[in-house]
Protein backbone atom coordinates (compact mmCIF):
# COMPACT_ATOMS: atom_id res chain seq x y z
CA MET A 1 -37.09 -29.03 24.12
CA ALA A 2 -38.42 -32.26 25.59
CA ARG A 3 -35.40 -34.26 24.38
CA THR A 4 -33.00 -31.76 25.92
CA VAL A 5 -34.78 -31.83 29.27
CA GLU A 6 -34.97 -35.63 29.10
CA ALA A 7 -31.25 -35.91 28.40
CA TYR A 8 -29.95 -33.22 30.79
CA GLY A 9 -32.77 -32.68 33.27
CA ARG A 10 -33.05 -28.93 32.69
CA ILE A 11 -32.17 -26.02 30.41
CA ASP A 12 -29.85 -23.50 32.02
CA ARG A 13 -29.05 -21.37 28.96
CA PHE A 14 -30.87 -20.80 25.70
CA VAL A 15 -29.23 -18.77 22.93
CA ASN A 16 -32.01 -17.62 20.65
CA ASN A 17 -30.14 -16.72 17.46
CA ALA A 18 -31.92 -17.36 14.18
CA SER A 19 -31.71 -14.54 11.70
CA ILE A 20 -31.71 -14.01 7.96
CA ASN A 21 -31.53 -10.89 5.82
CA GLY A 22 -33.66 -12.35 3.07
CA VAL A 23 -33.41 -11.68 -0.63
CA ILE A 24 -30.94 -9.00 -1.63
CA LYS A 25 -32.49 -6.81 -4.28
CA PRO A 26 -33.87 -3.28 -4.52
CA THR A 27 -36.60 -2.61 -1.97
CA GLU A 28 -39.24 -1.91 -4.61
CA GLU A 29 -38.70 -5.41 -6.05
CA LEU A 30 -39.25 -7.26 -2.75
CA THR A 31 -42.41 -9.32 -2.60
CA PHE A 32 -44.78 -9.94 0.28
CA GLU A 33 -43.42 -13.49 0.44
CA ASN A 34 -39.86 -12.12 0.85
CA TYR A 35 -40.98 -10.12 3.89
CA GLN A 36 -42.97 -13.04 5.29
CA THR A 37 -39.91 -15.32 5.12
CA VAL A 38 -37.74 -12.84 7.03
CA LEU A 39 -40.44 -12.17 9.64
CA GLY A 40 -41.16 -15.88 10.00
CA ILE A 41 -37.57 -16.65 10.96
CA ASN A 42 -36.42 -13.45 12.68
CA VAL A 43 -39.55 -12.65 14.70
CA THR A 44 -41.85 -15.66 14.85
CA GLY A 45 -39.04 -18.20 15.20
CA ALA A 46 -37.49 -16.27 18.07
CA ALA A 47 -40.86 -15.89 19.80
CA ILE A 48 -41.66 -19.61 19.56
CA GLY A 49 -38.26 -20.62 20.91
CA ARG A 50 -38.58 -18.18 23.79
CA LYS A 51 -42.13 -19.37 24.56
CA HIS A 52 -41.00 -22.95 25.14
CA VAL A 53 -37.94 -22.03 27.17
CA VAL A 54 -39.93 -19.67 29.42
CA ALA A 55 -42.29 -22.52 30.28
CA GLN A 56 -39.32 -24.74 31.18
CA ARG A 57 -37.69 -21.95 33.23
CA LYS A 58 -40.87 -21.61 35.29
CA THR A 59 -40.89 -25.35 35.93
CA GLN A 60 -37.26 -25.48 37.07
CA GLY A 61 -37.16 -22.06 38.77
CA SER A 62 -34.26 -20.54 36.84
CA GLY A 63 -32.52 -20.24 33.48
CA THR A 64 -31.18 -17.64 31.08
CA ILE A 65 -32.39 -16.65 27.63
CA VAL A 66 -30.13 -14.62 25.34
CA THR A 67 -31.75 -13.33 22.16
CA SER A 68 -29.58 -11.74 19.50
CA ALA A 69 -30.31 -10.51 16.03
CA SER A 70 -28.46 -8.78 13.26
CA ASN A 71 -29.69 -6.34 10.70
CA GLY A 72 -26.28 -6.25 9.05
CA ARG A 73 -26.29 -6.25 5.28
CA PRO A 74 -23.55 -7.18 2.84
CA LEU A 75 -21.65 -4.43 1.08
CA GLY A 76 -23.03 -3.65 -2.33
CA ASP A 77 -26.64 -4.23 -1.35
CA PRO A 78 -28.62 -2.68 -4.21
CA ALA A 79 -31.34 -1.55 -1.77
CA ARG A 80 -28.78 0.84 -0.22
CA ALA A 81 -27.27 2.03 -3.48
CA PRO A 82 -27.55 5.76 -4.21
CA VAL A 83 -30.48 6.72 -6.42
CA SER A 84 -29.42 8.18 -9.75
CA PRO A 85 -31.19 11.34 -10.92
């Protein structure tokens, strides 16, 4: 953030777009660490980026933040496969 402001004087637009789907395997096989990795990037990473840009926006009086995320999953994801009787 500091290097960007130093180089350009301000931040007018921030696209907050870091997202992963994590490990692709049946839900019952996912570990706590798998969930923590996804949350760390998708939620915490976005919050930290936004936190720093909001502070800069207040200093300069304007700016735009666009946050996007995707919960899309590849076809054939075993977690979405039909359960056999």
